[in-house]
Amino acid sequence: MMQKDYIEDLSKHVGQEVTLRGWLYNKRSSGKIQFLILRDGTGLCQCVVMKNAVDAEMYALASSLAQESTVAITGKVQEAKGKAPGDVELFVSKIEAISTATDYPITPKEHGVEYLMEHRHLWLRSSRPWATMRVRDTIIHAIRDFFHNRGFLCFDAPILTPNAAEGTSTLFETEYFDEGMAYLSQSGQLYGEAGAMAFGKVYVFGPTFRAERSKTKRHLNEFWMVEPEVAFLDLEGDMELAEDFVHEVIGRVLKEREAELAILDDGTGTLKARCEKVLKPFMRMHYDEAAKILDKYWDEKLASGEELPPTFKRFEYGDDFGAYDEVALTSLYDQPVIVHHYPASVKAFYMKRDPNEPDKALAMDVLFPEFGEIIGGSVREDSLDVLLKRLEEHNLPQSIFEWYLDLRRYGSVPHAGFGLGLERLVMWVCGLEHIREAIPFPRTLTRIWP
């Protein structure tokens, strides 16, 4: 029978009898009363089984149920403000066992992260990953709604590609019949540019893959990325679009997932308060200004004798920012920072250079407090001759980019876009220690199971 009554809707049914179907999350007893905590995927409900309200056989059944056994529980919904999840509870009149579970691997005691990752298929049922995935779902819907409401076309890029967006050193490769090598996509951007030339403004949203041998807390080898691409857009417009985008998406989380954020920060309100600081306009600064701030910051840190991590590398002008630099820069502010005009030498071949500062790319990154880069974007090079030169400088073969070069041969226009890694945003919003918790089944350098 299809489920009709859900825990998340119980507040609408106070005084009514309902039947819940779900899994036993936890239980406790107090004298002649048993409290069964039921979960059905939409939330938790405290089901009160009173010995004098059910027969002996049903009371014994309630006592015998093990963690994660599946049951159907019928009872009357009553208010329980401050006493039970959702401020309501169910006074039980009937219990039906659907399936029993024994020796569930994830008990209420503490487990190590590696153990939990080995049991990720079950760990997803626990409160923190449950709350994280619900926040993730809201972020995904908010992303799609943001672009749909602004007239963007969802434009699906292929996962198997004949060429790389930024070189082949970090690509997973496979033989593709008689066509030679194919690669798992590291970005849908190049295809997004084709979409922008056909539809004006599009966004690509799908899985991407990076064969990086990285073990940092911010890297996955498989993740989801959203990449808008817009014809006739300049750097200023690109920054404004990114700013509006993250502000609206995080606003949606605040509106719809306050309860989940409370679970993730143990009711302290810190995650909600941090998200509320994502206000427009964001602080913006030229790379040169950011470089001066970082020089001063690290000078003071080193002079103070503060011990820095063994992997720390001192920033030098002309470098791209490392993770330590991004976190250091954003630690000085309570809101996101947009850094623009990075050195062209550290950016991808497709990024257009500023004609007024030829050594700088018309590129920008959105950095979040306590985290670092959330968004990276740029104006794309629209000149065929210049793009051919850039391919040569980056030692990339022209032959596999001929289709991409056609976009400059036939009706080239100024255009820009950016990319946001979904899991990085989920990680920041949820206050997660490691990005592997921001996706249902993470793929990392050392994990491909389950």
Protein backbone atom coordinates (compact mmCIF):
# COMPACT_ATOMS: atom_id res chain seq x y z
CA MET A 1 0.00 0.00 0.00
CA MET A 2 1.31 3.43 -0.89
CA GLN A 3 2.34 5.60 2.03
CA LYS A 4 -0.28 8.29 2.72
CA ASP A 5 0.79 9.80 6.02
CA TYR A 6 4.28 11.27 6.44
CA ILE A 7 6.05 12.47 9.55
CA GLU A 8 6.85 15.87 8.09
CA ASP A 9 3.09 16.55 7.76
CA LEU A 10 2.00 15.44 11.25
CA SER A 11 1.60 18.97 12.59
CA LYS A 12 -1.33 19.32 10.17
CA HIS A 13 -3.07 16.27 11.66
CA VAL A 14 -3.15 16.97 15.41
CA GLY A 15 -6.09 15.11 16.93
CA GLN A 16 -6.40 12.76 13.96
CA GLU A 17 -5.52 9.09 13.59
CA VAL A 18 -2.79 8.29 11.09
CA THR A 19 -0.71 5.31 10.03
CA LEU A 20 3.03 5.80 9.66
CA ARG A 21 5.29 3.34 7.89
CA GLY A 22 9.01 3.43 8.44
CA TRP A 23 12.05 2.21 10.30
CA LEU A 24 12.78 2.05 14.02
CA TYR A 25 15.48 4.65 14.56
CA ASN A 26 15.82 4.25 18.32
CA LYS A 27 13.77 3.37 21.38
CA ARG A 28 13.64 3.72 25.14
CA SER A 29 11.28 2.70 27.90
CA SER A 30 10.05 4.24 31.13
CA GLY A 31 8.02 2.02 33.40
CA LYS A 32 4.88 0.99 31.56
CA ILE A 33 5.57 3.22 28.56
CA GLN A 34 7.76 2.60 25.53
CA PHE A 35 8.97 5.37 23.24
CA LEU A 36 9.63 4.22 19.69
CA ILE A 37 11.45 6.76 17.53
CA LEU A 38 10.28 6.12 14.00
CA ARG A 39 11.78 7.54 10.84
CA ASP A 40 10.15 7.47 7.41
CA GLY A 41 12.66 9.50 5.38
CA THR A 42 10.87 12.80 5.97
CA GLY A 43 11.64 13.12 9.67
CA LEU A 44 11.51 11.48 13.10
CA CYS A 45 8.41 10.82 15.22
CA GLN A 46 8.18 9.77 18.83
CA CYS A 47 5.59 7.01 19.05
CA VAL A 48 4.29 6.46 22.59
CA VAL A 49 3.23 2.89 23.40
CA MET A 50 1.34 2.73 26.70
CA LYS A 51 0.90 -0.70 28.25
CA ASN A 52 -2.71 -0.05 29.18
CA ALA A 53 -3.58 1.17 25.65
CA VAL A 54 -2.55 -1.92 23.64
CA ASP A 55 -2.81 -5.65 24.21
CA ALA A 56 0.00 -7.67 25.77
CA GLU A 57 1.09 -9.16 22.45
CA MET A 58 1.45 -5.74 20.82
CA TYR A 59 3.31 -4.34 23.82
CA ALA A 60 5.70 -7.31 23.66
CA LEU A 61 6.20 -6.69 19.93
CA ALA A 62 7.16 -3.08 20.62
CA SER A 63 9.65 -4.27 23.23
CA SER A 64 11.22 -6.81 20.87
CA LEU A 65 11.73 -4.56 17.86
CA ALA A 66 15.39 -4.02 16.95
CA GLN A 67 16.98 -0.93 15.41
CA GLU A 68 16.02 -0.45 11.73
CA SER A 69 13.16 -2.96 11.82
CA THR A 70 10.33 -1.77 9.58
CA VAL A 71 6.89 -1.27 11.01
CA ALA A 72 3.50 0.29 10.40
CA ILE A 73 2.29 2.23 13.42
CA THR A 74 -1.23 3.59 13.83
CA GLY A 75 -2.17 6.15 16.46
CA LYS A 76 -3.48 9.60 17.26
CA VAL A 77 -1.34 12.69 16.70
CA GLN A 78 -0.97 14.96 19.72
CA GLU A 79 0.96 18.12 20.40
CA ALA A 80 4.21 17.73 22.35
CA LYS A 81 5.89 21.12 22.12
CA GLY A 82 9.50 20.90 23.22
CA LYS A 83 9.13 17.23 24.17
CA ALA A 84 9.42 15.42 20.85
CA PRO A 85 10.81 15.91 17.33
CA GLY A 86 8.55 18.23 15.34
CA ASP A 87 6.66 19.16 18.54
CA VAL A 88 4.17 16.33 17.97
CA GLU A 89 4.02 12.68 18.96
CA LEU A 90 1.91 9.65 18.14
CA PHE A 91 -0.07 7.80 20.82
CA VAL A 92 -0.04 4.26 19.50
CA SER A 93 -3.08 2.02 19.11
CA LYS A 94 -1.67 -0.54 16.69
CA ILE A 95 1.75 -1.84 15.59
CA GLU A 96 2.39 -4.11 12.62
CA ALA A 97 5.84 -5.61 12.00
CA ILE A 98 6.81 -5.54 8.32
CA SER A 99 10.42 -6.68 8.47
CA THR A 100 12.79 -7.38 11.34
CA ALA A 101 16.44 -6.32 11.46
CA THR A 102 19.16 -7.80 13.64
CA ASP A 103 22.67 -6.61 14.48
CA TYR A 104 22.39 -3.31 12.58
CA PRO A 105 26.03 -2.23 12.04
CA ILE A 106 25.59 1.45 12.97
CA THR A 107 24.50 1.60 16.59
CA PRO A 108 23.94 4.77 18.65
CA LYS A 109 27.53 4.53 19.94
CA GLU A 110 30.42 6.42 18.32
CA HIS A 111 31.96 5.02 15.12
CA GLY A 112 35.05 6.14 13.22
CA VAL A 113 34.58 7.95 9.91
CA GLU A 114 36.29 5.19 7.91
CA TYR A 115 33.93 2.62 9.41
CA LEU A 116 30.96 4.82 8.59
CA MET A 117 32.20 5.32 5.01
CA GLU A 118 32.46 1.56 4.60
CA HIS A 119 28.79 1.46 5.59
CA ARG A 120 27.80 4.62 3.70
CA HIS A 121 24.73 2.88 2.26
CA LEU A 122 23.45 2.57 5.84
CA TRP A 123 25.02 5.69 7.36
CA LEU A 124 22.80 7.81 5.11
CA ARG A 125 19.94 6.88 7.45
CA SER A 126 21.56 8.66 10.41
CA SER A 127 20.57 12.20 11.39
CA ARG A 128 23.58 14.19 10.14
CA PRO A 129 23.91 12.67 6.65
CA TRP A 130 20.10 12.71 6.40
CA ALA A 131 20.06 16.45 7.13
CA THR A 132 22.99 17.04 4.74
CA MET A 133 21.27 15.29 1.84
CA ARG A 134 18.08 17.28 2.41
CA VAL A 135 20.07 20.52 2.31
CA ARG A 136 21.79 19.26 -0.85
CA ASP A 137 18.40 18.57 -2.44
CA THR A 138 17.22 22.11 -1.68
CA ILE A 139 20.42 23.57 -3.14
CA ILE A 140 19.93 21.56 -6.34
CA HIS A 141 16.33 22.74 -6.71
CA ALA A 142 17.36 26.34 -5.95
CA ILE A 143 20.10 26.19 -8.59
CA ARG A 144 17.70 25.01 -11.27
CA ASP A 145 15.02 27.50 -10.24
CA PHE A 146 17.50 30.40 -10.25
CA PHE A 147 18.50 29.81 -13.85
CA HIS A 148 15.06 28.76 -15.08
CA ASN A 149 13.49 31.91 -13.67
CA ARG A 150 16.07 34.02 -15.53
CA GLY A 151 15.45 32.44 -18.90
CA PHE A 152 18.47 30.12 -18.99
CA LEU A 153 18.21 26.88 -20.94
CA CYS A 154 19.38 23.70 -19.21
CA PHE A 155 21.98 22.41 -21.64
CA ASP A 156 23.32 18.89 -21.10
CA ALA A 157 26.98 18.38 -21.97
CA PRO A 158 28.38 14.91 -22.75
CA ILE A 159 30.20 12.95 -20.07
CA LEU A 160 32.44 11.18 -22.59
CA THR A 161 34.51 13.75 -24.46
CA PRO A 162 37.30 13.68 -27.06
CA ASN A 163 39.26 16.52 -25.47
CA ALA A 164 39.99 18.26 -22.19
CA ALA A 165 38.92 21.68 -21.01
CA GLU A 166 42.18 22.36 -19.19
CA GLY A 167 44.70 19.75 -20.34
CA THR A 168 44.73 15.95 -20.09
CA SER A 169 46.90 15.44 -17.00
CA THR A 170 43.91 15.07 -14.65
CA LEU A 171 41.53 13.07 -16.82
CA PHE A 172 40.17 9.54 -16.56
CA GLU A 173 40.55 7.94 -19.98
CA THR A 174 39.05 4.96 -21.78
CA GLU A 175 39.23 3.36 -25.20
CA TYR A 176 36.25 4.42 -27.33
CA PHE A 177 35.72 1.70 -29.94
CA ASP A 178 37.70 2.60 -33.08
CA GLU A 179 37.72 6.33 -32.32
CA GLY A 180 40.74 6.30 -30.05
CA MET A 181 40.81 7.68 -26.53
CA ALA A 182 37.82 9.26 -24.79
CA TYR A 183 37.84 11.05 -21.45
CA LEU A 184 35.40 11.45 -18.61
CA SER A 185 34.42 15.10 -18.64
CA GLN A 186 36.28 17.43 -16.28
CA SER A 187 33.95 20.31 -17.22
CA GLY A 188 30.93 20.99 -19.41
CA GLN A 189 32.09 24.53 -20.07
CA LEU A 190 33.32 24.20 -23.66
CA TYR A 191 30.01 22.63 -24.65
CA GLY A 192 28.22 25.31 -22.65
CA GLU A 193 29.87 27.89 -24.87
CA ALA A 194 28.38 26.16 -27.90
CA GLY A 195 25.02 26.32 -26.15
CA ALA A 196 25.42 30.05 -25.44
CA MET A 197 26.07 30.70 -29.12
CA ALA A 198 22.83 28.88 -29.97
CA PHE A 199 20.52 29.99 -27.14
CA GLY A 200 22.10 33.10 -25.62
CA LYS A 201 22.26 31.89 -22.04
CA VAL A 202 22.49 28.30 -20.83
CA TYR A 203 23.65 26.31 -17.84
CA VAL A 204 25.27 22.89 -17.73
CA PHE A 205 24.61 20.86 -14.58
CA GLY A 206 25.99 17.37 -14.26
CA PRO A 207 28.70 15.03 -12.99
CA THR A 208 32.34 15.86 -13.65
CA PHE A 209 35.53 13.93 -13.04
CA ARG A 210 39.07 14.88 -12.05
CA ALA A 211 41.84 12.27 -11.87
CA GLU A 212 43.78 14.31 -9.33
CA ARG A 213 45.80 12.42 -6.73
CA SER A 214 44.60 14.78 -4.06
CA LYS A 215 43.77 13.89 -0.48
CA THR A 216 42.60 17.30 0.71
CA LYS A 217 39.29 17.81 2.50
CA ARG A 218 37.96 19.85 -0.44
CA HIS A 219 38.54 17.45 -3.33
CA LEU A 220 36.53 14.62 -4.87
CA ASN A 221 37.34 12.67 -8.01
CA GLU A 222 33.68 12.68 -9.01
CA PHE A 223 31.44 15.62 -8.25
CA TRP A 224 28.59 17.70 -9.65
CA MET A 225 29.17 21.09 -11.20
CA VAL A 226 26.87 23.83 -12.44
CA GLU A 227 28.27 26.02 -15.22
CA PRO A 228 26.28 28.94 -16.67
CA GLU A 229 27.49 30.46 -19.95
CA VAL A 230 26.14 33.73 -21.34
CA ALA A 231 26.64 35.50 -24.67
CA PHE A 232 27.43 39.23 -24.54
CA LEU A 233 28.47 39.09 -20.87
CA ASP A 234 31.53 40.88 -19.47
CA LEU A 235 33.50 40.35 -16.26
CA GLU A 236 31.36 42.76 -14.25
CA GLY A 237 28.22 40.96 -15.37
CA ASP A 238 29.79 37.60 -14.59
CA MET A 239 30.56 38.70 -11.03
CA GLU A 240 27.05 40.07 -10.58
CA LEU A 241 25.53 36.82 -11.83
CA ALA A 242 27.67 34.76 -9.42
CA GLU A 243 26.80 37.08 -6.55
CA ASP A 244 23.05 36.92 -7.22
CA PHE A 245 23.28 33.17 -7.69
CA VAL A 246 24.87 32.19 -4.37
CA HIS A 247 22.85 34.77 -2.46
CA GLU A 248 19.57 33.36 -3.75
CA VAL A 249 20.56 29.70 -3.33
CA ILE A 250 21.67 30.17 0.27
CA GLY A 251 18.56 32.23 0.96
CA ARG A 252 16.49 29.26 -0.18
CA VAL A 253 18.30 26.98 2.27
CA LEU A 254 17.62 29.42 5.10
CA LYS A 255 13.95 29.48 4.16
CA GLU A 256 13.41 25.73 3.75
CA ARG A 257 16.05 23.91 5.81
CA GLU A 258 16.36 25.69 9.15
CA ALA A 259 15.57 22.45 11.01
CA GLU A 260 18.26 20.53 9.12
CA LEU A 261 20.86 23.24 9.80
CA ALA A 262 19.96 22.98 13.50
CA ILE A 263 20.65 19.23 13.40
CA LEU A 264 24.01 19.82 11.74
CA ASP A 265 25.20 22.40 14.28
CA ASP A 266 23.60 20.70 17.31
CA GLY A 267 21.08 23.49 17.72
CA THR A 268 23.67 26.23 18.24
CA GLY A 269 22.41 28.37 15.35
CA THR A 270 25.94 28.94 14.03
CA LEU A 271 25.26 27.65 10.53
CA LYS A 272 22.15 29.76 10.16
CA ALA A 273 24.03 32.85 11.39
CA ARG A 274 26.89 32.23 8.97
CA CYS A 275 24.54 31.80 6.02
CA GLU A 276 22.72 34.99 6.95
CA LYS A 277 25.98 36.91 6.42
CA VAL A 278 25.98 36.06 2.71
CA LEU A 279 24.67 39.49 1.78
CA LYS A 280 25.00 41.53 -1.38
CA PRO A 281 27.11 43.26 -2.45
CA PHE A 282 30.14 41.02 -1.89
CA MET A 283 33.52 42.60 -1.28
CA ARG A 284 35.55 42.76 -4.51
CA MET A 285 39.25 43.22 -4.93
CA HIS A 286 41.84 43.11 -7.69
CA TYR A 287 44.41 40.32 -7.47
CA ASP A 288 47.14 42.92 -6.80
CA GLU A 289 45.24 44.25 -3.78
CA ALA A 290 44.63 40.72 -2.48
CA ALA A 291 48.33 39.90 -2.96
CA LYS A 292 49.36 42.86 -0.79
CA ILE A 293 46.91 41.82 1.92
CA LEU A 294 48.27 38.28 1.88
CA ASP A 295 51.90 39.44 2.00
CA LYS A 296 51.15 41.46 5.11
CA TYR A 297 49.11 38.64 6.63
CA TRP A 298 51.83 36.02 6.23
CA ASP A 299 54.55 38.45 7.34
CA GLU A 300 52.69 38.95 10.61
CA LYS A 301 52.07 35.23 11.04
CA LEU A 302 55.70 34.34 10.51
CA ALA A 303 56.93 37.19 12.71
CA SER A 304 54.67 36.05 15.55
CA GLY A 305 56.32 32.64 15.58
CA GLU A 306 53.00 30.90 15.00
CA GLU A 307 53.53 27.36 13.85
CA LEU A 308 52.22 26.82 10.32
CA PRO A 309 51.20 23.46 8.79
CA PRO A 310 54.07 21.44 7.25
CA THR A 311 52.36 21.66 3.84
CA PHE A 312 52.27 25.46 3.99
CA LYS A 313 53.91 27.25 1.05
CA ARG A 314 54.46 30.98 1.24
CA PHE A 315 52.49 32.91 -1.35
CA GLU A 316 54.51 34.86 -3.91
CA TYR A 317 53.17 37.47 -6.27
CA GLY A 318 52.22 35.84 -9.57
CA ASP A 319 51.09 32.61 -7.93
CA ASP A 320 47.54 31.39 -7.95
CA PHE A 321 46.09 31.34 -4.45
CA GLY A 322 46.44 28.12 -2.52
CA ALA A 323 43.94 26.83 0.02
CA TYR A 324 45.79 28.47 2.91
CA ASP A 325 45.82 31.81 1.08
CA GLU A 326 42.09 31.68 0.34
CA VAL A 327 41.21 30.83 3.93
CA ALA A 328 43.59 33.52 5.22
CA LEU A 329 42.09 36.17 2.96
CA THR A 330 38.49 35.38 3.84
CA SER A 331 39.27 35.13 7.56
CA LEU A 332 39.58 38.92 7.55
CA TYR A 333 35.95 39.37 6.50
CA ASP A 334 32.53 38.05 7.50
CA GLN A 335 31.21 37.69 3.97
CA PRO A 336 32.25 36.27 0.59
CA VAL A 337 35.05 38.00 -1.30
CA ILE A 338 35.39 38.17 -5.08
CA VAL A 339 38.98 38.36 -6.32
CA HIS A 340 39.42 39.28 -9.99
CA HIS A 341 42.16 39.87 -12.56
CA TYR A 342 44.40 36.91 -11.75
CA PRO A 343 47.72 36.53 -13.60
CA ALA A 344 46.99 35.03 -17.01
CA SER A 345 49.98 32.70 -16.61
CA VAL A 346 48.19 30.64 -13.93
CA LYS A 347 44.82 30.46 -15.68
CA ALA A 348 43.35 28.26 -18.40
CA PHE A 349 43.95 28.80 -22.11
CA TYR A 350 40.37 29.90 -22.84
CA MET A 351 40.39 32.87 -20.45
CA LYS A 352 40.50 36.26 -22.13
CA ARG A 353 43.19 38.73 -21.12
CA ASP A 354 42.43 42.30 -20.13
CA PRO A 355 43.58 44.61 -22.97
CA ASN A 356 44.45 47.24 -20.34
CA GLU A 357 46.46 44.73 -18.28
CA PRO A 358 47.78 42.16 -20.76
CA ASP A 359 49.38 40.05 -18.04
CA LYS A 360 46.03 39.64 -16.27
CA ALA A 361 43.09 37.40 -17.17
CA LEU A 362 39.52 38.64 -17.03
CA ALA A 363 38.92 35.99 -14.39
CA MET A 364 37.33 35.94 -10.96
CA ASP A 365 36.90 33.61 -7.98
CA VAL A 366 34.26 33.81 -5.28
CA LEU A 367 35.87 32.94 -1.94
CA PHE A 368 33.81 32.01 1.11
CA PRO A 369 34.80 32.61 4.75
CA GLU A 370 36.61 29.74 6.48
CA PHE A 371 36.62 27.80 3.23
CA GLY A 372 38.00 29.43 0.11
CA GLU A 373 36.98 29.10 -3.53
CA ILE A 374 33.35 28.24 -4.22
CA ILE A 375 33.10 29.67 -7.75
CA GLY A 376 35.64 30.21 -10.49
CA GLY A 377 34.80 32.06 -13.70
CA SER A 378 36.03 34.27 -16.50
CA VAL A 379 35.38 36.03 -19.76
CA ARG A 380 36.21 33.58 -22.56
CA GLU A 381 38.63 34.43 -25.35
CA ASP A 382 36.49 35.25 -28.39
CA SER A 383 39.25 35.89 -30.96
CA LEU A 384 40.13 32.95 -33.22
CA ASP A 385 43.70 34.11 -33.75
CA VAL A 386 44.35 34.63 -30.06
CA LEU A 387 42.77 31.31 -29.12
CA LEU A 388 44.99 29.50 -31.64
CA LYS A 389 47.98 31.16 -30.01
CA ARG A 390 46.84 30.11 -26.55
CA LEU A 391 46.45 26.48 -27.61
CA GLU A 392 50.01 26.55 -28.88
CA GLU A 393 51.29 28.12 -25.66
CA HIS A 394 49.59 25.42 -23.60
CA ASN A 395 50.84 22.62 -25.88
CA LEU A 396 47.30 21.56 -26.75
CA PRO A 397 46.64 19.96 -30.17
CA GLN A 398 44.53 22.14 -32.45
CA SER A 399 42.94 19.15 -34.19
CA ILE A 400 40.78 18.04 -31.25
CA PHE A 401 39.61 21.60 -30.61
CA GLU A 402 38.45 22.32 -34.17
CA TRP A 403 34.78 22.19 -33.18
CA TYR A 404 35.49 24.64 -30.34
CA LEU A 405 37.37 26.94 -32.69
CA ASP A 406 34.34 26.96 -35.00
CA LEU A 407 32.55 28.94 -32.30
CA ARG A 408 35.05 31.76 -33.04
CA ARG A 409 34.97 31.30 -36.81
CA TYR A 410 31.21 31.63 -37.14
CA GLY A 411 29.60 34.48 -35.21
CA SER A 412 31.97 34.89 -32.29
CA VAL A 413 30.79 37.24 -29.53
CA PRO A 414 32.10 38.32 -26.12
CA HIS A 415 30.85 35.83 -23.54
CA ALA A 416 31.52 34.69 -20.00
CA GLY A 417 30.54 32.15 -17.38
CA PHE A 418 31.60 30.36 -14.24
CA GLY A 419 31.60 27.01 -12.51
CA LEU A 420 30.44 26.03 -9.04
CA GLY A 421 31.17 22.66 -7.48
CA LEU A 422 27.92 21.58 -5.82
CA GLU A 423 29.63 19.61 -3.07
CA ARG A 424 31.80 22.54 -2.05
CA LEU A 425 28.73 24.68 -1.51
CA VAL A 426 26.99 21.88 0.39
CA MET A 427 30.12 21.42 2.51
CA TRP A 428 30.23 25.12 3.43
CA VAL A 429 26.51 25.49 4.12
CA CYS A 430 26.41 22.35 6.27
CA GLY A 431 29.66 23.06 8.10
CA LEU A 432 31.13 19.69 7.14
CA GLU A 433 34.68 18.71 8.01
CA HIS A 434 35.24 16.81 4.76
CA ILE A 435 33.68 17.08 1.32
CA ARG A 436 33.13 13.32 1.18
CA GLU A 437 30.07 13.86 3.41
CA ALA A 438 28.51 16.28 0.90
CA ILE A 439 27.67 13.60 -1.69
CA PRO A 440 25.73 10.34 -1.22
CA PHE A 441 28.56 8.04 -2.33
CA PRO A 442 31.96 9.79 -2.50
CA ARG A 443 34.67 8.83 -4.96
CA THR A 444 38.13 9.74 -3.73
CA LEU A 445 41.69 8.65 -4.30
CA THR A 446 41.21 5.75 -1.89
CA ARG A 447 37.48 5.06 -2.11
CA ILE A 448 35.29 3.60 -4.83
CA TRP A 449 33.16 1.31 -2.60
CA PRO A 450 30.27 1.07 -1.87
